Amino acid sequence: MKVLIVDDEEMIRNVLREYVEFEGNEAVEASDGMQAVAMCRENDYDVIIMDIMMPRYDGFSAIKEIRKYKKDVPIIVLSARGEEYDKLFGFELGIDDYVTKPFSPKEVMARINAVTKRKAQAAEEESDRTVKFEGLTVDMAGRVVYVDGEKVDLTPKEYDILFYFIKNKGIAISRERFLMDVWGFDFYGDDRTVDTHIKMLRSNLGPYRKFIVTLRGMGYKFEV
């Protein structure tokens, strides 16, 4: 596994590199967002660990740029900013996890392993199939969604939620179960995190938002 560590603090990069390499992985470093964007244009990475508060080009700006051409690479934010709106903004950009400083390197490694495991499981489950519900078409292998023949752009997390809905079609899913199965590994979030992402997903599905049914006081269900 090749991990890109982006942080302007050399000590933090060194600590994370030590843990990443200790588990037999390859670690590559960038000291600011601009350098990270340039490196991602030229190379592929299995996971990106991204600080937010950096000189020249902050982490959120870098993530937005990287997501233009690296839509599926897992990104874990590492930040001293722990406010909820920062976390939600990060997830709107398509990050996979958010760790607040100060942090435990072991926890970061556990989160890296969790997001890569989920990605591998999703790829295996999706295999080579396409499903269609009226005018909503989902290419499971290509992770592409069409609404009435028009391709729509979903963030990686929105696609994960849609796939999870499809896999559990007709089953009531609590918000807690979403947090456990889609976000995984002791995720910090609460009900509002799930609601925010599903609101964004519904907006992208146009008329087929009707398939996502809200269950008052409980959660959601994908019902066709």
C-alpha atoms as a PDB file:
ATOM      1  CA  MET A   1       0.000   0.000   0.000  1.00  0.00           C
ATOM      2  CA  LYS A   2       1.327   3.448  -0.955  1.00  0.00           C
ATOM      3  CA  VAL A   3       0.368   6.267   1.437  1.00  0.00           C
ATOM      4  CA  LEU A   4       0.785  10.003   0.745  1.00  0.00           C
ATOM      5  CA  ILE A   5       1.285  11.990   3.970  1.00  0.00           C
ATOM      6  CA  VAL A   6       0.582  15.731   3.593  1.00  0.00           C
ATOM      7  CA  ASP A   7       1.451  17.988   6.543  1.00  0.00           C
ATOM      8  CA  ASP A   8       3.577  21.103   6.979  1.00  0.00           C
ATOM      9  CA  GLU A   9       4.954  19.792  10.285  1.00  0.00           C
ATOM     10  CA  GLU A  10       7.978  17.562   9.634  1.00  0.00           C
ATOM     11  CA  MET A  11       7.682  15.857  13.029  1.00  0.00           C
ATOM     12  CA  ILE A  12       4.125  14.691  12.269  1.00  0.00           C
ATOM     13  CA  ARG A  13       5.176  13.426   8.841  1.00  0.00           C
ATOM     14  CA  ASN A  14       8.066  11.500  10.402  1.00  0.00           C
ATOM     15  CA  VAL A  15       5.876   9.870  13.050  1.00  0.00           C
ATOM     16  CA  LEU A  16       3.252   8.788  10.517  1.00  0.00           C
ATOM     17  CA  ARG A  17       5.902   7.580   8.074  1.00  0.00           C
ATOM     18  CA  GLU A  18       7.416   5.410  10.814  1.00  0.00           C
ATOM     19  CA  TYR A  19       4.075   3.736  11.564  1.00  0.00           C
ATOM     20  CA  VAL A  20       3.113   3.328   7.899  1.00  0.00           C
ATOM     21  CA  GLU A  21       6.438   1.729   7.020  1.00  0.00           C
ATOM     22  CA  PHE A  22       6.431  -0.416  10.178  1.00  0.00           C
ATOM     23  CA  GLU A  23       3.343  -2.192   8.826  1.00  0.00           C
ATOM     24  CA  GLY A  24       5.128  -2.898   5.535  1.00  0.00           C
ATOM     25  CA  ASN A  25       3.674  -0.058   3.485  1.00  0.00           C
ATOM     26  CA  GLU A  26       5.321   2.661   1.413  1.00  0.00           C
ATOM     27  CA  ALA A  27       5.126   6.276   2.647  1.00  0.00           C
ATOM     28  CA  VAL A  28       5.579   9.399   0.520  1.00  0.00           C
ATOM     29  CA  GLU A  29       5.565  12.946   1.938  1.00  0.00           C
ATOM     30  CA  ALA A  30       4.374  16.392   0.852  1.00  0.00           C
ATOM     31  CA  SER A  31       4.854  19.533   2.955  1.00  0.00           C
ATOM     32  CA  ASP A  32       1.913  21.564   1.600  1.00  0.00           C
ATOM     33  CA  GLY A  33      -1.262  21.262  -0.441  1.00  0.00           C
ATOM     34  CA  MET A  34       0.254  22.575  -3.649  1.00  0.00           C
ATOM     35  CA  GLN A  35       2.982  19.930  -3.601  1.00  0.00           C
ATOM     36  CA  ALA A  36       0.374  17.244  -2.852  1.00  0.00           C
ATOM     37  CA  VAL A  37      -1.757  18.243  -5.847  1.00  0.00           C
ATOM     38  CA  ALA A  38       1.292  18.142  -8.143  1.00  0.00           C
ATOM     39  CA  MET A  39       2.286  14.704  -6.843  1.00  0.00           C
ATOM     40  CA  CYS A  40      -1.227  13.319  -7.297  1.00  0.00           C
ATOM     41  CA  ARG A  41      -1.263  14.478 -10.905  1.00  0.00           C
ATOM     42  CA  GLU A  42       1.800  12.324 -11.592  1.00  0.00           C
ATOM     43  CA  ASN A  43       1.285   9.347  -9.260  1.00  0.00           C
ATOM     44  CA  ASP A  44      -1.341   7.043  -7.806  1.00  0.00           C
ATOM     45  CA  TYR A  45      -1.755   6.454  -4.082  1.00  0.00           C
ATOM     46  CA  ASP A  46      -3.820   3.970  -2.103  1.00  0.00           C
ATOM     47  CA  VAL A  47      -4.537   6.434   0.740  1.00  0.00           C
ATOM     48  CA  ILE A  48      -3.932  10.156   1.302  1.00  0.00           C
ATOM     49  CA  ILE A  49      -3.552  11.639   4.801  1.00  0.00           C
ATOM     50  CA  MET A  50      -4.202  15.384   4.498  1.00  0.00           C
ATOM     51  CA  ASP A  51      -3.646  18.194   7.004  1.00  0.00           C
ATOM     52  CA  ILE A  52      -5.941  21.226   6.635  1.00  0.00           C
ATOM     53  CA  MET A  53      -4.059  24.242   7.969  1.00  0.00           C
ATOM     54  CA  MET A  54      -1.008  24.559   5.690  1.00  0.00           C
ATOM     55  CA  PRO A  55       0.781  27.471   3.979  1.00  0.00           C
ATOM     56  CA  ARG A  56       0.469  28.240   0.262  1.00  0.00           C
ATOM     57  CA  TYR A  57      -2.484  25.898  -0.344  1.00  0.00           C
ATOM     58  CA  ASP A  58      -4.740  24.626   2.435  1.00  0.00           C
ATOM     59  CA  GLY A  59      -5.912  21.044   2.693  1.00  0.00           C
ATOM     60  CA  PHE A  60      -9.532  21.645   1.687  1.00  0.00           C
ATOM     61  CA  SER A  61      -8.417  23.398  -1.525  1.00  0.00           C
ATOM     62  CA  ALA A  62      -6.007  20.552  -2.258  1.00  0.00           C
ATOM     63  CA  ILE A  63      -8.718  17.919  -1.710  1.00  0.00           C
ATOM     64  CA  LYS A  64     -11.102  19.751  -4.022  1.00  0.00           C
ATOM     65  CA  GLU A  65      -8.445  19.782  -6.759  1.00  0.00           C
ATOM     66  CA  ILE A  66      -7.364  16.167  -6.230  1.00  0.00           C
ATOM     67  CA  ARG A  67     -10.960  14.943  -6.381  1.00  0.00           C
ATOM     68  CA  LYS A  68     -11.235  16.273  -9.947  1.00  0.00           C
ATOM     69  CA  TYR A  69      -9.093  13.414 -11.236  1.00  0.00           C
ATOM     70  CA  LYS A  70      -8.675  11.016  -8.297  1.00  0.00           C
ATOM     71  CA  LYS A  71     -12.298  10.391  -7.413  1.00  0.00           C
ATOM     72  CA  ASP A  72     -11.909   7.082  -5.578  1.00  0.00           C
ATOM     73  CA  VAL A  73      -8.681   7.380  -3.585  1.00  0.00           C
ATOM     74  CA  PRO A  74      -9.492   7.323   0.160  1.00  0.00           C
ATOM     75  CA  ILE A  75      -8.615  10.613   1.904  1.00  0.00           C
ATOM     76  CA  ILE A  76      -8.258  10.915   5.677  1.00  0.00           C
ATOM     77  CA  VAL A  77      -8.128  14.462   7.049  1.00  0.00           C
ATOM     78  CA  LEU A  78      -5.802  15.149   9.979  1.00  0.00           C
ATOM     79  CA  SER A  79      -6.542  18.537  11.516  1.00  0.00           C
ATOM     80  CA  ALA A  80      -6.349  20.643  14.652  1.00  0.00           C
ATOM     81  CA  ARG A  81      -9.721  22.104  13.634  1.00  0.00           C
ATOM     82  CA  GLY A  82     -12.365  19.954  15.294  1.00  0.00           C
ATOM     83  CA  GLU A  83     -15.481  22.054  14.725  1.00  0.00           C
ATOM     84  CA  GLU A  84     -18.420  20.167  13.282  1.00  0.00           C
ATOM     85  CA  TYR A  85     -18.782  22.475  10.266  1.00  0.00           C
ATOM     86  CA  ASP A  86     -15.163  21.736   9.280  1.00  0.00           C
ATOM     87  CA  LYS A  87     -15.858  18.017   9.443  1.00  0.00           C
ATOM     88  CA  LEU A  88     -19.088  18.265   7.461  1.00  0.00           C
ATOM     89  CA  PHE A  89     -17.420  20.481   4.842  1.00  0.00           C
ATOM     90  CA  GLY A  90     -14.703  17.868   4.485  1.00  0.00           C
ATOM     91  CA  PHE A  91     -17.244  15.116   3.907  1.00  0.00           C
ATOM     92  CA  GLU A  92     -19.028  17.259   1.347  1.00  0.00           C
ATOM     93  CA  LEU A  93     -15.714  17.376  -0.540  1.00  0.00           C
ATOM     94  CA  GLY A  94     -15.567  13.588  -0.513  1.00  0.00           C
ATOM     95  CA  ILE A  95     -13.184  12.696   2.310  1.00  0.00           C
ATOM     96  CA  ASP A  96     -13.471   9.296   3.984  1.00  0.00           C
ATOM     97  CA  ASP A  97     -12.520  10.091   7.573  1.00  0.00           C
ATOM     98  CA  TYR A  98     -11.562  12.998   9.847  1.00  0.00           C
ATOM     99  CA  VAL A  99      -9.072  12.708  12.712  1.00  0.00           C
ATOM    100  CA  THR A 100      -8.571  15.608  15.123  1.00  0.00           C
ATOM    101  CA  LYS A 101      -5.132  16.556  16.477  1.00  0.00           C
ATOM    102  CA  PRO A 102      -3.599  15.601  18.835  1.00  0.00           C
ATOM    103  CA  PHE A 103      -3.939  12.054  17.580  1.00  0.00           C
ATOM    104  CA  SER A 104      -2.721   8.531  18.237  1.00  0.00           C
ATOM    105  CA  PRO A 105      -0.619   7.146  15.337  1.00  0.00           C
ATOM    106  CA  LYS A 106      -2.088   3.725  16.075  1.00  0.00           C
ATOM    107  CA  GLU A 107      -5.588   5.152  15.630  1.00  0.00           C
ATOM    108  CA  VAL A 108      -4.600   6.729  12.310  1.00  0.00           C
ATOM    109  CA  MET A 109      -3.234   3.377  11.115  1.00  0.00           C
ATOM    110  CA  ALA A 110      -6.450   1.650  12.209  1.00  0.00           C
ATOM    111  CA  ARG A 111      -8.456   4.169  10.200  1.00  0.00           C
ATOM    112  CA  ILE A 112      -6.184   3.703   7.158  1.00  0.00           C
ATOM    113  CA  ASN A 113      -6.688  -0.046   7.340  1.00  0.00           C
ATOM    114  CA  ALA A 114     -10.446   0.407   7.786  1.00  0.00           C
ATOM    115  CA  VAL A 115     -10.950   2.631   4.723  1.00  0.00           C
ATOM    116  CA  THR A 116      -8.759   0.449   2.483  1.00  0.00           C
ATOM    117  CA  LYS A 117     -10.556  -2.684   3.661  1.00  0.00           C
ATOM    118  CA  ARG A 118     -13.952  -1.126   2.925  1.00  0.00           C
ATOM    119  CA  LYS A 119     -12.776  -0.089  -0.527  1.00  0.00           C
ATOM    120  CA  ALA A 120     -11.538  -3.616  -1.312  1.00  0.00           C
ATOM    121  CA  GLN A 121     -14.765  -5.187  -0.044  1.00  0.00           C
ATOM    122  CA  ALA A 122     -16.879  -2.785  -2.096  1.00  0.00           C
ATOM    123  CA  ALA A 123     -14.896  -3.558  -5.252  1.00  0.00           C
ATOM    124  CA  GLU A 124     -15.352  -7.290  -4.668  1.00  0.00           C
ATOM    125  CA  GLU A 125     -19.077  -7.011  -3.969  1.00  0.00           C
ATOM    126  CA  GLU A 126     -19.793  -4.697  -6.882  1.00  0.00           C
ATOM    127  CA  SER A 127     -18.040  -6.930  -9.440  1.00  0.00           C
ATOM    128  CA  ASP A 128     -19.391  -6.421 -12.956  1.00  0.00           C
ATOM    129  CA  ARG A 129     -23.054  -5.591 -12.804  1.00  0.00           C
ATOM    130  CA  THR A 130     -25.432  -2.777 -13.545  1.00  0.00           C
ATOM    131  CA  VAL A 131     -28.755  -2.243 -11.811  1.00  0.00           C
ATOM    132  CA  LYS A 132     -31.661  -0.108 -12.968  1.00  0.00           C
ATOM    133  CA  PHE A 133     -34.642   1.318 -11.129  1.00  0.00           C
ATOM    134  CA  GLU A 134     -36.925   3.130 -13.595  1.00  0.00           C
ATOM    135  CA  GLY A 135     -34.705   5.919 -14.988  1.00  0.00           C
ATOM    136  CA  LEU A 136     -31.984   5.483 -12.363  1.00  0.00           C
ATOM    137  CA  THR A 137     -29.065   3.364 -13.627  1.00  0.00           C
ATOM    138  CA  VAL A 138     -26.131   2.410 -11.419  1.00  0.00           C
ATOM    139  CA  ASP A 139     -22.984   0.873 -12.894  1.00  0.00           C
ATOM    140  CA  MET A 140     -21.683  -0.927  -9.817  1.00  0.00           C
ATOM    141  CA  ALA A 141     -18.258  -1.816 -11.212  1.00  0.00           C
ATOM    142  CA  GLY A 142     -17.582   1.554 -12.822  1.00  0.00           C
ATOM    143  CA  ARG A 143     -19.124   3.493  -9.904  1.00  0.00           C
ATOM    144  CA  VAL A 144     -21.119   5.572 -12.364  1.00  0.00           C
ATOM    145  CA  VAL A 145     -24.706   6.770 -11.897  1.00  0.00           C
ATOM    146  CA  TYR A 146     -27.108   7.914 -14.603  1.00  0.00           C
ATOM    147  CA  VAL A 147     -30.376   9.774 -14.108  1.00  0.00           C
ATOM    148  CA  ASP A 148     -32.605   9.489 -17.196  1.00  0.00           C
ATOM    149  CA  GLY A 149     -29.509   8.785 -19.286  1.00  0.00           C
ATOM    150  CA  GLU A 150     -27.514  11.712 -17.931  1.00  0.00           C
ATOM    151  CA  LYS A 151     -24.393  10.964 -15.884  1.00  0.00           C
ATOM    152  CA  VAL A 152     -24.399  12.530 -12.416  1.00  0.00           C
ATOM    153  CA  ASP A 153     -21.309  13.157 -10.313  1.00  0.00           C
ATOM    154  CA  LEU A 154     -21.458  11.744  -6.789  1.00  0.00           C
ATOM    155  CA  THR A 155     -18.794  12.066  -4.126  1.00  0.00           C
ATOM    156  CA  PRO A 156     -17.194   8.734  -3.089  1.00  0.00           C
ATOM    157  CA  LYS A 157     -19.182   8.761   0.147  1.00  0.00           C
ATOM    158  CA  GLU A 158     -22.464   9.459  -1.673  1.00  0.00           C
ATOM    159  CA  TYR A 159     -21.775   6.502  -3.925  1.00  0.00           C
ATOM    160  CA  ASP A 160     -20.958   4.315  -0.909  1.00  0.00           C
ATOM    161  CA  ILE A 161     -24.315   5.265   0.611  1.00  0.00           C
ATOM    162  CA  LEU A 162     -26.209   4.573  -2.616  1.00  0.00           C
ATOM    163  CA  PHE A 163     -24.503   1.194  -3.020  1.00  0.00           C
ATOM    164  CA  TYR A 164     -25.309   0.360   0.601  1.00  0.00           C
ATOM    165  CA  PHE A 165     -28.950   1.292  -0.026  1.00  0.00           C
ATOM    166  CA  ILE A 166     -29.084  -0.920  -3.124  1.00  0.00           C
ATOM    167  CA  LYS A 167     -27.425  -3.836  -1.317  1.00  0.00           C
ATOM    168  CA  ASN A 168     -30.030  -3.491   1.458  1.00  0.00           C
ATOM    169  CA  LYS A 169     -33.015  -2.653  -0.736  1.00  0.00           C
ATOM    170  CA  GLY A 170     -36.298  -2.785   1.160  1.00  0.00           C
ATOM    171  CA  ILE A 171     -34.599  -3.024   4.572  1.00  0.00           C
ATOM    172  CA  ALA A 172     -34.968  -0.339   7.236  1.00  0.00           C
ATOM    173  CA  ILE A 173     -31.527   1.089   8.070  1.00  0.00           C
ATOM    174  CA  SER A 174     -30.900   3.101  11.216  1.00  0.00           C
ATOM    175  CA  ARG A 175     -28.554   6.083  11.251  1.00  0.00           C
ATOM    176  CA  GLU A 176     -26.344   4.228  13.721  1.00  0.00           C
ATOM    177  CA  ARG A 177     -26.020   1.325  11.295  1.00  0.00           C
ATOM    178  CA  PHE A 178     -25.059   3.723   8.507  1.00  0.00           C
ATOM    179  CA  LEU A 179     -22.293   5.166  10.697  1.00  0.00           C
ATOM    180  CA  MET A 180     -21.034   1.711  11.588  1.00  0.00           C
ATOM    181  CA  ASP A 181     -21.180   0.071   8.140  1.00  0.00           C
ATOM    182  CA  VAL A 182     -20.503   2.967   5.733  1.00  0.00           C
ATOM    183  CA  TRP A 183     -18.151   5.139   7.794  1.00  0.00           C
ATOM    184  CA  GLY A 184     -16.780   2.375  10.011  1.00  0.00           C
ATOM    185  CA  PHE A 185     -14.109   2.328  12.730  1.00  0.00           C
ATOM    186  CA  ASP A 186     -15.480   4.267  15.663  1.00  0.00           C
ATOM    187  CA  PHE A 187     -16.558   7.201  13.506  1.00  0.00           C
ATOM    188  CA  TYR A 188     -16.951  10.485  15.391  1.00  0.00           C
ATOM    189  CA  GLY A 189     -20.168  11.501  13.710  1.00  0.00           C
ATOM    190  CA  ASP A 190     -23.771  11.738  14.748  1.00  0.00           C
ATOM    191  CA  ASP A 191     -27.165  11.577  13.060  1.00  0.00           C
ATOM    192  CA  ARG A 192     -26.632  14.909  11.318  1.00  0.00           C
ATOM    193  CA  THR A 193     -23.659  13.505   9.405  1.00  0.00           C
ATOM    194  CA  VAL A 194     -25.856  10.784   7.892  1.00  0.00           C
ATOM    195  CA  ASP A 195     -28.717  13.196   7.215  1.00  0.00           C
ATOM    196  CA  THR A 196     -26.405  15.705   5.498  1.00  0.00           C
ATOM    197  CA  HIS A 197     -24.965  13.112   3.119  1.00  0.00           C
ATOM    198  CA  ILE A 198     -28.346  11.601   2.282  1.00  0.00           C
ATOM    199  CA  LYS A 199     -29.718  15.087   1.608  1.00  0.00           C
ATOM    200  CA  MET A 200     -26.871  15.643  -0.878  1.00  0.00           C
ATOM    201  CA  LEU A 201     -27.438  12.211  -2.458  1.00  0.00           C
ATOM    202  CA  ARG A 202     -31.158  12.864  -2.856  1.00  0.00           C
ATOM    203  CA  SER A 203     -30.434  16.178  -4.551  1.00  0.00           C
ATOM    204  CA  ASN A 204     -28.236  14.414  -7.126  1.00  0.00           C
ATOM    205  CA  LEU A 205     -30.792  11.690  -7.849  1.00  0.00           C
ATOM    206  CA  GLY A 206     -33.410  14.168  -9.104  1.00  0.00           C
ATOM    207  CA  PRO A 207     -36.865  12.581  -9.442  1.00  0.00           C
ATOM    208  CA  TYR A 208     -35.535   9.256  -8.153  1.00  0.00           C
ATOM    209  CA  ARG A 209     -34.918  10.719  -4.733  1.00  0.00           C
ATOM    210  CA  LYS A 210     -38.333   9.192  -4.100  1.00  0.00           C
ATOM    211  CA  PHE A 211     -36.641   5.794  -3.682  1.00  0.00           C
ATOM    212  CA  ILE A 212     -34.974   6.976  -0.448  1.00  0.00           C
ATOM    213  CA  VAL A 213     -37.732   6.896   2.150  1.00  0.00           C
ATOM    214  CA  THR A 214     -37.326   8.584   5.537  1.00  0.00           C
ATOM    215  CA  LEU A 215     -38.465   6.483   8.485  1.00  0.00           C
ATOM    216  CA  ARG A 216     -39.420   8.944  11.207  1.00  0.00           C
ATOM    217  CA  GLY A 217     -37.396   8.475  14.378  1.00  0.00           C
ATOM    218  CA  MET A 218     -35.477   5.564  12.937  1.00  0.00           C
ATOM    219  CA  GLY A 219     -33.547   6.071   9.687  1.00  0.00           C
ATOM    220  CA  TYR A 220     -34.051   5.359   5.997  1.00  0.00           C
ATOM    221  CA  LYS A 221     -35.061   2.703   3.502  1.00  0.00           C
ATOM    222  CA  PHE A 222     -34.408   2.283  -0.235  1.00  0.00           C
ATOM    223  CA  GLU A 223     -37.809   1.338  -1.566  1.00  0.00           C
ATOM    224  CA  VAL A 224     -38.635   0.823  -5.235  1.00  0.00           C
END
